[in-house]
Amino acid sequence: MSKNNFIGELPHEIGRLRRLKVLDLGVNNLNGEFPQWIGSLPRLQYLSLTKSSFIGLIPSSISKMTQLATLRLSFNTLQGNIPTEIFNISSLERIVLIGNSLSGSVPCDMCYHLRGLRYVNLSLNKLNGQIPSSSVHCSELQELSIFLTTNSGDPYRKKLRI
C-alpha cells in the first residue's frame, strides 16, 4: 500500500493485526506521532514507513517484533537516540533510518546480537561519535553507511562496503 495518497495518522487498529507480516505504507501522506503500539505486531517481518511525516521517538517496544527482518523509517522527522533495543532483534537484516533527526551515538554493541545484519544506513541524521568497533561481529554485513558529526559540528560520511 505504498505510494498512495493516504493521509492522517496511522490507525491504531492496525496494532490488532497480530498475524501481520508486512506493513509497507511508505511514500504516503501519513503524519502524527510515530505509533507507540507498533511493537504489538510480533510477527511483522517487514516494516516500511518511509517518506511520511512521522514525528517523535522510535519506541523501544519495537524490540517486541522478534521476526522483523527489514526496518525502513527513512525521511520522517524522528528524533532522539536510536533505541538500543533495536539491536537486540536477532532477525534484522536491514536497518534504514536515513534522513531523520536522530541524535546521539550509534550503539557500540550494535552487532553483538545481529549476526545476519547485511545493510545499515543511518545517514543524514544528527549522529555523532565513532563507528562502532562491534561492526566486525556482523559477519554478513555488506554495507554500513553512517553520516556522523564531528565534535566541531562538521559532518563527515563513512560508507563501508565489505
N, C-alpha and C. Protein backbone atom coordinates (compact mmCIF):
# COMPACT_ATOMS: atom_id res chain seq x y z
N MET A 1 0.81 -1.18 0.00
CA MET A 1 0.00 0.00 0.00
C MET A 1 0.86 1.25 0.00
N SER A 2 2.09 1.09 -0.44
CA SER A 2 2.96 2.26 -0.52
C SER A 2 2.63 3.06 -1.78
N LYS A 3 3.13 4.28 -1.80
CA LYS A 3 2.99 5.19 -2.95
C LYS A 3 1.53 5.45 -3.29
N ASN A 4 0.75 5.78 -2.28
CA ASN A 4 -0.63 6.19 -2.46
C ASN A 4 -0.78 7.59 -1.89
N ASN A 5 -1.98 8.00 -1.66
CA ASN A 5 -2.22 9.30 -1.06
C ASN A 5 -2.97 9.17 0.26
N PHE A 6 -2.62 8.14 1.04
CA PHE A 6 -3.23 8.01 2.36
C PHE A 6 -2.82 9.20 3.20
N ILE A 7 -3.76 9.74 3.95
CA ILE A 7 -3.47 10.92 4.77
C ILE A 7 -3.83 10.65 6.23
N GLY A 8 -3.31 11.48 7.10
CA GLY A 8 -3.66 11.40 8.51
C GLY A 8 -2.74 10.49 9.30
N GLU A 9 -3.18 10.17 10.50
CA GLU A 9 -2.39 9.33 11.38
C GLU A 9 -2.60 7.86 11.03
N LEU A 10 -1.64 7.05 11.40
CA LEU A 10 -1.72 5.61 11.19
C LEU A 10 -2.75 5.05 12.19
N PRO A 11 -3.82 4.43 11.71
CA PRO A 11 -4.86 3.95 12.63
C PRO A 11 -4.32 2.94 13.65
N HIS A 12 -4.63 3.17 14.91
CA HIS A 12 -4.14 2.26 15.95
C HIS A 12 -4.75 0.87 15.85
N GLU A 13 -5.82 0.73 15.11
CA GLU A 13 -6.44 -0.59 14.91
C GLU A 13 -5.50 -1.56 14.20
N ILE A 14 -4.56 -1.03 13.44
CA ILE A 14 -3.59 -1.90 12.77
C ILE A 14 -2.82 -2.72 13.80
N GLY A 15 -2.66 -2.18 14.98
CA GLY A 15 -1.97 -2.88 16.06
C GLY A 15 -2.66 -4.16 16.51
N ARG A 16 -3.89 -4.37 16.09
CA ARG A 16 -4.63 -5.58 16.43
C ARG A 16 -4.37 -6.72 15.45
N LEU A 17 -3.67 -6.44 14.38
CA LEU A 17 -3.42 -7.44 13.34
C LEU A 17 -2.20 -8.27 13.73
N ARG A 18 -2.35 -9.11 14.70
CA ARG A 18 -1.24 -9.86 15.31
C ARG A 18 -0.53 -10.80 14.35
N ARG A 19 -1.17 -11.17 13.25
CA ARG A 19 -0.55 -12.09 12.28
C ARG A 19 0.08 -11.36 11.10
N LEU A 20 0.01 -10.05 11.11
CA LEU A 20 0.54 -9.24 10.01
C LEU A 20 2.04 -9.47 9.86
N LYS A 21 2.49 -9.71 8.63
CA LYS A 21 3.91 -9.96 8.36
C LYS A 21 4.57 -8.80 7.62
N VAL A 22 3.80 -8.06 6.83
CA VAL A 22 4.35 -6.95 6.05
C VAL A 22 3.48 -5.71 6.26
N LEU A 23 4.13 -4.61 6.61
CA LEU A 23 3.44 -3.32 6.71
C LEU A 23 4.27 -2.32 5.92
N ASP A 24 3.83 -2.03 4.71
CA ASP A 24 4.54 -1.11 3.82
C ASP A 24 3.59 0.03 3.46
N LEU A 25 3.73 1.12 4.19
CA LEU A 25 2.91 2.31 3.94
C LEU A 25 3.80 3.50 3.62
N GLY A 26 4.96 3.21 3.06
CA GLY A 26 5.88 4.27 2.70
C GLY A 26 5.37 5.13 1.57
N VAL A 27 5.89 6.32 1.47
CA VAL A 27 5.57 7.29 0.42
C VAL A 27 4.06 7.55 0.37
N ASN A 28 3.55 7.96 1.52
CA ASN A 28 2.16 8.40 1.64
C ASN A 28 2.19 9.74 2.35
N ASN A 29 1.06 10.23 2.73
CA ASN A 29 0.97 11.50 3.45
C ASN A 29 0.57 11.26 4.90
N LEU A 30 1.08 10.19 5.48
CA LEU A 30 0.78 9.88 6.87
C LEU A 30 1.56 10.82 7.77
N ASN A 31 1.01 11.11 8.95
CA ASN A 31 1.68 12.05 9.84
C ASN A 31 1.33 11.74 11.29
N GLY A 32 1.77 12.60 12.17
CA GLY A 32 1.50 12.43 13.60
C GLY A 32 2.65 11.75 14.31
N GLU A 33 2.43 11.47 15.58
CA GLU A 33 3.44 10.80 16.39
C GLU A 33 3.70 9.40 15.83
N PHE A 34 4.96 8.99 15.89
CA PHE A 34 5.27 7.63 15.48
C PHE A 34 4.51 6.69 16.41
N PRO A 35 3.82 5.70 15.87
CA PRO A 35 2.93 4.87 16.69
C PRO A 35 3.66 4.07 17.77
N GLN A 36 3.26 4.30 19.00
CA GLN A 36 3.85 3.58 20.13
C GLN A 36 3.39 2.12 20.17
N TRP A 37 2.27 1.81 19.53
CA TRP A 37 1.73 0.46 19.52
C TRP A 37 2.41 -0.45 18.51
N ILE A 38 3.37 0.07 17.75
CA ILE A 38 3.98 -0.69 16.66
C ILE A 38 4.58 -2.01 17.15
N GLY A 39 5.03 -2.05 18.39
CA GLY A 39 5.60 -3.28 18.95
C GLY A 39 4.59 -4.37 19.20
N SER A 40 3.30 -4.08 19.03
CA SER A 40 2.27 -5.10 19.26
C SER A 40 2.04 -5.97 18.02
N LEU A 41 2.95 -5.90 17.07
CA LEU A 41 2.87 -6.72 15.85
C LEU A 41 4.02 -7.74 15.87
N PRO A 42 3.89 -8.79 16.68
CA PRO A 42 5.02 -9.69 16.93
C PRO A 42 5.50 -10.50 15.72
N ARG A 43 4.65 -10.67 14.72
CA ARG A 43 5.04 -11.48 13.56
C ARG A 43 5.51 -10.65 12.37
N LEU A 44 5.55 -9.34 12.55
CA LEU A 44 5.95 -8.46 11.45
C LEU A 44 7.38 -8.77 11.03
N GLN A 45 7.57 -8.91 9.72
CA GLN A 45 8.90 -9.19 9.17
C GLN A 45 9.45 -8.00 8.37
N TYR A 46 8.54 -7.17 7.86
CA TYR A 46 8.94 -6.04 7.02
C TYR A 46 8.13 -4.82 7.43
N LEU A 47 8.82 -3.76 7.85
CA LEU A 47 8.16 -2.51 8.22
C LEU A 47 8.78 -1.37 7.44
N SER A 48 7.95 -0.71 6.63
CA SER A 48 8.40 0.46 5.88
C SER A 48 7.39 1.58 6.05
N LEU A 49 7.84 2.65 6.69
CA LEU A 49 7.03 3.86 6.86
C LEU A 49 7.86 5.05 6.37
N THR A 50 8.54 4.88 5.25
CA THR A 50 9.43 5.91 4.72
C THR A 50 8.65 7.05 4.08
N LYS A 51 9.32 8.18 4.00
CA LYS A 51 8.82 9.37 3.30
C LYS A 51 7.39 9.73 3.71
N SER A 52 7.20 9.83 5.00
CA SER A 52 5.94 10.33 5.54
C SER A 52 6.29 11.51 6.44
N SER A 53 5.44 11.83 7.35
CA SER A 53 5.71 12.96 8.23
C SER A 53 5.57 12.56 9.68
N PHE A 54 6.07 11.38 10.02
CA PHE A 54 6.01 10.95 11.41
C PHE A 54 7.00 11.74 12.25
N ILE A 55 6.59 12.05 13.48
CA ILE A 55 7.45 12.78 14.40
C ILE A 55 7.60 11.96 15.68
N GLY A 56 8.52 12.38 16.51
CA GLY A 56 8.67 11.74 17.81
C GLY A 56 9.78 10.73 17.85
N LEU A 57 9.70 9.88 18.84
CA LEU A 57 10.74 8.89 19.11
C LEU A 57 10.38 7.54 18.51
N ILE A 58 11.40 6.77 18.19
CA ILE A 58 11.19 5.37 17.83
C ILE A 58 11.01 4.63 19.16
N PRO A 59 9.88 3.98 19.37
CA PRO A 59 9.63 3.37 20.67
C PRO A 59 10.49 2.12 20.91
N SER A 60 10.89 1.92 22.14
CA SER A 60 11.68 0.74 22.47
C SER A 60 10.85 -0.53 22.31
N SER A 61 9.52 -0.41 22.30
CA SER A 61 8.65 -1.57 22.11
C SER A 61 8.85 -2.23 20.75
N ILE A 62 9.55 -1.56 19.86
CA ILE A 62 9.82 -2.13 18.54
C ILE A 62 10.60 -3.44 18.68
N SER A 63 11.29 -3.61 19.79
CA SER A 63 12.07 -4.83 20.02
C SER A 63 11.18 -6.06 20.22
N LYS A 64 9.88 -5.86 20.43
CA LYS A 64 8.96 -6.98 20.58
C LYS A 64 8.65 -7.65 19.23
N MET A 65 9.07 -7.01 18.15
CA MET A 65 8.86 -7.59 16.82
C MET A 65 10.05 -8.52 16.52
N THR A 66 10.00 -9.68 17.12
CA THR A 66 11.16 -10.58 17.11
C THR A 66 11.42 -11.26 15.77
N GLN A 67 10.51 -11.11 14.81
CA GLN A 67 10.72 -11.70 13.48
C GLN A 67 11.06 -10.64 12.43
N LEU A 68 11.22 -9.40 12.85
CA LEU A 68 11.47 -8.30 11.92
C LEU A 68 12.81 -8.49 11.20
N ALA A 69 12.77 -8.46 9.87
CA ALA A 69 13.98 -8.58 9.06
C ALA A 69 14.37 -7.24 8.45
N THR A 70 13.39 -6.41 8.10
CA THR A 70 13.66 -5.12 7.47
C THR A 70 12.93 -4.01 8.22
N LEU A 71 13.70 -2.99 8.59
CA LEU A 71 13.17 -1.81 9.26
C LEU A 71 13.54 -0.59 8.43
N ARG A 72 12.54 0.04 7.81
CA ARG A 72 12.76 1.21 6.96
C ARG A 72 11.88 2.36 7.46
N LEU A 73 12.53 3.35 8.07
CA LEU A 73 11.81 4.51 8.61
C LEU A 73 12.42 5.81 8.10
N SER A 74 12.94 5.80 6.90
CA SER A 74 13.66 6.94 6.36
C SER A 74 12.77 8.12 6.02
N PHE A 75 13.37 9.31 6.06
CA PHE A 75 12.76 10.56 5.63
C PHE A 75 11.43 10.85 6.33
N ASN A 76 11.50 10.86 7.64
CA ASN A 76 10.44 11.34 8.51
C ASN A 76 11.08 12.44 9.35
N THR A 77 10.54 12.71 10.51
CA THR A 77 11.14 13.68 11.41
C THR A 77 11.30 13.02 12.78
N LEU A 78 11.82 11.81 12.78
CA LEU A 78 12.02 11.08 14.02
C LEU A 78 13.21 11.67 14.77
N GLN A 79 13.09 11.71 16.09
CA GLN A 79 14.10 12.37 16.92
C GLN A 79 14.59 11.44 18.02
N GLY A 80 15.57 11.93 18.76
CA GLY A 80 16.08 11.18 19.89
C GLY A 80 17.11 10.15 19.48
N ASN A 81 17.53 9.37 20.44
CA ASN A 81 18.51 8.33 20.17
C ASN A 81 17.86 7.15 19.45
N ILE A 82 18.68 6.41 18.73
CA ILE A 82 18.21 5.15 18.16
C ILE A 82 18.09 4.18 19.34
N PRO A 83 16.90 3.63 19.57
CA PRO A 83 16.76 2.74 20.73
C PRO A 83 17.71 1.55 20.63
N THR A 84 18.46 1.32 21.68
CA THR A 84 19.41 0.19 21.67
C THR A 84 18.68 -1.14 21.53
N GLU A 85 17.41 -1.18 21.92
CA GLU A 85 16.63 -2.41 21.82
C GLU A 85 16.52 -2.91 20.38
N ILE A 86 16.59 -2.00 19.41
CA ILE A 86 16.54 -2.41 18.01
C ILE A 86 17.65 -3.40 17.71
N PHE A 87 18.79 -3.19 18.33
CA PHE A 87 19.96 -4.02 18.04
C PHE A 87 19.94 -5.34 18.79
N ASN A 88 18.81 -5.65 19.42
CA ASN A 88 18.61 -6.96 20.04
C ASN A 88 17.67 -7.84 19.24
N ILE A 89 17.16 -7.32 18.12
CA ILE A 89 16.24 -8.09 17.27
C ILE A 89 17.11 -8.95 16.35
N SER A 90 17.35 -10.17 16.75
CA SER A 90 18.33 -11.02 16.06
C SER A 90 17.97 -11.33 14.62
N SER A 91 16.71 -11.17 14.23
CA SER A 91 16.29 -11.47 12.86
C SER A 91 16.56 -10.32 11.88
N LEU A 92 16.97 -9.15 12.38
CA LEU A 92 17.15 -7.98 11.50
C LEU A 92 18.27 -8.20 10.48
N GLU A 93 17.95 -7.88 9.23
CA GLU A 93 18.92 -7.94 8.14
C GLU A 93 19.19 -6.56 7.55
N ARG A 94 18.19 -5.67 7.61
CA ARG A 94 18.31 -4.33 7.03
C ARG A 94 17.76 -3.29 8.00
N ILE A 95 18.56 -2.26 8.27
CA ILE A 95 18.13 -1.12 9.07
C ILE A 95 18.37 0.13 8.24
N VAL A 96 17.30 0.84 7.89
CA VAL A 96 17.40 2.03 7.05
C VAL A 96 16.66 3.16 7.75
N LEU A 97 17.43 4.10 8.29
CA LEU A 97 16.86 5.22 9.06
C LEU A 97 17.35 6.56 8.50
N ILE A 98 17.56 6.65 7.22
CA ILE A 98 18.11 7.83 6.56
C ILE A 98 17.19 9.04 6.73
N GLY A 99 17.80 10.22 6.88
CA GLY A 99 17.08 11.46 6.76
C GLY A 99 16.06 11.77 7.83
N ASN A 100 16.39 11.51 9.06
CA ASN A 100 15.54 11.90 10.19
C ASN A 100 16.31 12.93 11.01
N SER A 101 15.95 13.10 12.25
CA SER A 101 16.69 13.98 13.15
C SER A 101 17.19 13.18 14.35
N LEU A 102 17.57 11.93 14.10
CA LEU A 102 18.06 11.07 15.16
C LEU A 102 19.40 11.59 15.66
N SER A 103 19.61 11.52 16.96
CA SER A 103 20.83 12.08 17.55
C SER A 103 21.50 11.05 18.45
N GLY A 104 22.59 11.48 19.05
CA GLY A 104 23.34 10.58 19.92
C GLY A 104 24.33 9.78 19.11
N SER A 105 24.84 8.74 19.71
CA SER A 105 25.83 7.92 19.02
C SER A 105 25.22 6.60 18.59
N VAL A 106 25.89 5.95 17.67
CA VAL A 106 25.48 4.63 17.24
C VAL A 106 25.87 3.67 18.37
N PRO A 107 24.95 2.83 18.83
CA PRO A 107 25.28 1.94 19.94
C PRO A 107 26.53 1.12 19.68
N CYS A 108 27.43 1.11 20.65
CA CYS A 108 28.72 0.44 20.47
C CYS A 108 28.58 -1.07 20.33
N ASP A 109 27.48 -1.64 20.80
CA ASP A 109 27.30 -3.08 20.71
C ASP A 109 26.29 -3.47 19.64
N MET A 110 26.18 -2.66 18.59
CA MET A 110 25.12 -2.84 17.61
C MET A 110 25.14 -4.19 16.90
N CYS A 111 26.24 -4.87 16.85
CA CYS A 111 26.30 -6.11 16.08
C CYS A 111 26.38 -7.38 16.92
N TYR A 112 26.41 -7.26 18.21
CA TYR A 112 26.57 -8.46 19.03
C TYR A 112 25.43 -9.46 18.87
N HIS A 113 24.21 -8.97 18.65
CA HIS A 113 23.05 -9.86 18.52
C HIS A 113 22.55 -9.95 17.09
N LEU A 114 23.19 -9.25 16.18
CA LEU A 114 22.70 -9.17 14.80
C LEU A 114 23.66 -9.84 13.83
N ARG A 115 23.87 -11.09 13.99
CA ARG A 115 24.82 -11.83 13.15
C ARG A 115 24.41 -11.84 11.67
N GLY A 116 23.10 -11.72 11.38
CA GLY A 116 22.63 -11.76 10.00
C GLY A 116 22.44 -10.39 9.36
N LEU A 117 22.85 -9.33 10.05
CA LEU A 117 22.68 -7.98 9.53
C LEU A 117 23.52 -7.79 8.27
N ARG A 118 22.85 -7.34 7.18
CA ARG A 118 23.55 -7.18 5.90
C ARG A 118 23.70 -5.73 5.46
N TYR A 119 22.77 -4.87 5.89
CA TYR A 119 22.77 -3.49 5.38
C TYR A 119 22.31 -2.54 6.47
N VAL A 120 23.08 -1.49 6.70
CA VAL A 120 22.72 -0.46 7.68
C VAL A 120 22.98 0.90 7.03
N ASN A 121 21.97 1.76 7.02
CA ASN A 121 22.16 3.13 6.54
C ASN A 121 21.50 4.07 7.53
N LEU A 122 22.34 4.83 8.21
CA LEU A 122 21.90 5.79 9.22
C LEU A 122 22.25 7.22 8.81
N SER A 123 22.50 7.45 7.55
CA SER A 123 22.96 8.73 7.04
C SER A 123 21.91 9.83 7.20
N LEU A 124 22.38 11.06 7.13
CA LEU A 124 21.55 12.26 7.15
C LEU A 124 20.71 12.36 8.41
N ASN A 125 21.34 12.13 9.54
CA ASN A 125 20.75 12.34 10.85
C ASN A 125 21.67 13.27 11.61
N LYS A 126 21.56 13.33 12.91
CA LYS A 126 22.42 14.18 13.73
C LYS A 126 23.26 13.31 14.67
N LEU A 127 23.73 12.20 14.14
CA LEU A 127 24.51 11.26 14.94
C LEU A 127 25.93 11.75 15.13
N ASN A 128 26.55 11.33 16.21
CA ASN A 128 27.93 11.70 16.47
C ASN A 128 28.66 10.52 17.08
N GLY A 129 29.92 10.71 17.36
CA GLY A 129 30.71 9.64 17.96
C GLY A 129 31.52 8.88 16.94
N GLN A 130 31.72 7.62 17.22
CA GLN A 130 32.56 6.79 16.36
C GLN A 130 31.75 5.66 15.74
N ILE A 131 32.29 5.15 14.66
CA ILE A 131 31.70 3.95 14.07
C ILE A 131 31.98 2.80 15.02
N PRO A 132 30.97 2.06 15.41
CA PRO A 132 31.15 1.01 16.41
C PRO A 132 32.15 -0.06 15.96
N SER A 133 33.07 -0.37 16.84
CA SER A 133 34.03 -1.43 16.53
C SER A 133 33.35 -2.79 16.49
N SER A 134 32.15 -2.89 17.09
CA SER A 134 31.43 -4.16 17.08
C SER A 134 30.93 -4.54 15.70
N SER A 135 31.04 -3.61 14.73
CA SER A 135 30.57 -3.94 13.38
C SER A 135 31.32 -5.13 12.79
N VAL A 136 32.49 -5.44 13.32
CA VAL A 136 33.22 -6.62 12.85
C VAL A 136 32.50 -7.91 13.24
N HIS A 137 31.58 -7.85 14.19
CA HIS A 137 30.82 -9.03 14.60
C HIS A 137 29.64 -9.31 13.68
N CYS A 138 29.34 -8.38 12.77
CA CYS A 138 28.28 -8.59 11.79
C CYS A 138 28.89 -9.30 10.59
N SER A 139 28.98 -10.59 10.66
CA SER A 139 29.71 -11.35 9.64
C SER A 139 29.06 -11.28 8.26
N GLU A 140 27.77 -10.96 8.19
CA GLU A 140 27.06 -10.87 6.91
C GLU A 140 26.99 -9.44 6.38
N LEU A 141 27.49 -8.47 7.12
CA LEU A 141 27.37 -7.07 6.76
C LEU A 141 28.04 -6.78 5.42
N GLN A 142 27.27 -6.19 4.50
CA GLN A 142 27.77 -5.85 3.17
C GLN A 142 27.94 -4.34 3.00
N GLU A 143 27.09 -3.55 3.68
CA GLU A 143 27.23 -2.10 3.58
C GLU A 143 26.81 -1.44 4.88
N LEU A 144 27.66 -0.53 5.33
CA LEU A 144 27.41 0.27 6.52
C LEU A 144 27.61 1.72 6.11
N SER A 145 26.56 2.51 6.13
CA SER A 145 26.65 3.90 5.72
C SER A 145 26.13 4.76 6.86
N ILE A 146 27.04 5.59 7.40
CA ILE A 146 26.71 6.44 8.54
C ILE A 146 27.25 7.83 8.27
N PHE A 147 26.42 8.81 8.46
CA PHE A 147 26.81 10.21 8.32
C PHE A 147 26.88 10.77 9.73
N LEU A 148 28.08 10.97 10.24
CA LEU A 148 28.28 11.41 11.62
C LEU A 148 28.67 12.88 11.66
N THR A 149 28.59 13.45 12.83
CA THR A 149 29.02 14.82 13.05
C THR A 149 30.23 14.80 13.98
N THR A 150 31.25 15.56 13.63
CA THR A 150 32.45 15.61 14.47
C THR A 150 32.18 16.49 15.69
N ASN A 151 33.11 16.51 16.63
CA ASN A 151 32.98 17.35 17.82
C ASN A 151 32.84 18.82 17.48
N SER A 152 33.41 19.24 16.36
CA SER A 152 33.32 20.64 15.96
C SER A 152 32.01 20.96 15.24
N GLY A 153 31.18 19.92 15.03
CA GLY A 153 29.91 20.13 14.35
C GLY A 153 29.98 19.90 12.86
N ASP A 154 31.18 19.62 12.34
CA ASP A 154 31.33 19.37 10.91
C ASP A 154 30.91 17.94 10.58
N PRO A 155 30.12 17.76 9.55
CA PRO A 155 29.69 16.41 9.19
C PRO A 155 30.78 15.67 8.42
N TYR A 156 30.79 14.37 8.59
CA TYR A 156 31.61 13.53 7.73
C TYR A 156 30.86 12.23 7.51
N ARG A 157 31.10 11.65 6.37
CA ARG A 157 30.37 10.44 5.98
C ARG A 157 31.32 9.27 5.91
N LYS A 158 30.86 8.17 6.42
CA LYS A 158 31.61 6.93 6.33
C LYS A 158 30.72 5.90 5.64
N LYS A 159 31.19 5.40 4.55
CA LYS A 159 30.45 4.35 3.85
C LYS A 159 31.42 3.22 3.64
N LEU A 160 31.11 2.10 4.22
CA LEU A 160 31.97 0.95 4.11
C LEU A 160 31.27 -0.14 3.34
N ARG A 161 31.86 -0.60 2.30
CA ARG A 161 31.34 -1.76 1.57
C ARG A 161 32.28 -2.91 1.85
N ILE A 162 31.70 -4.02 2.21
CA ILE A 162 32.53 -5.16 2.59
C ILE A 162 32.36 -6.26 1.58
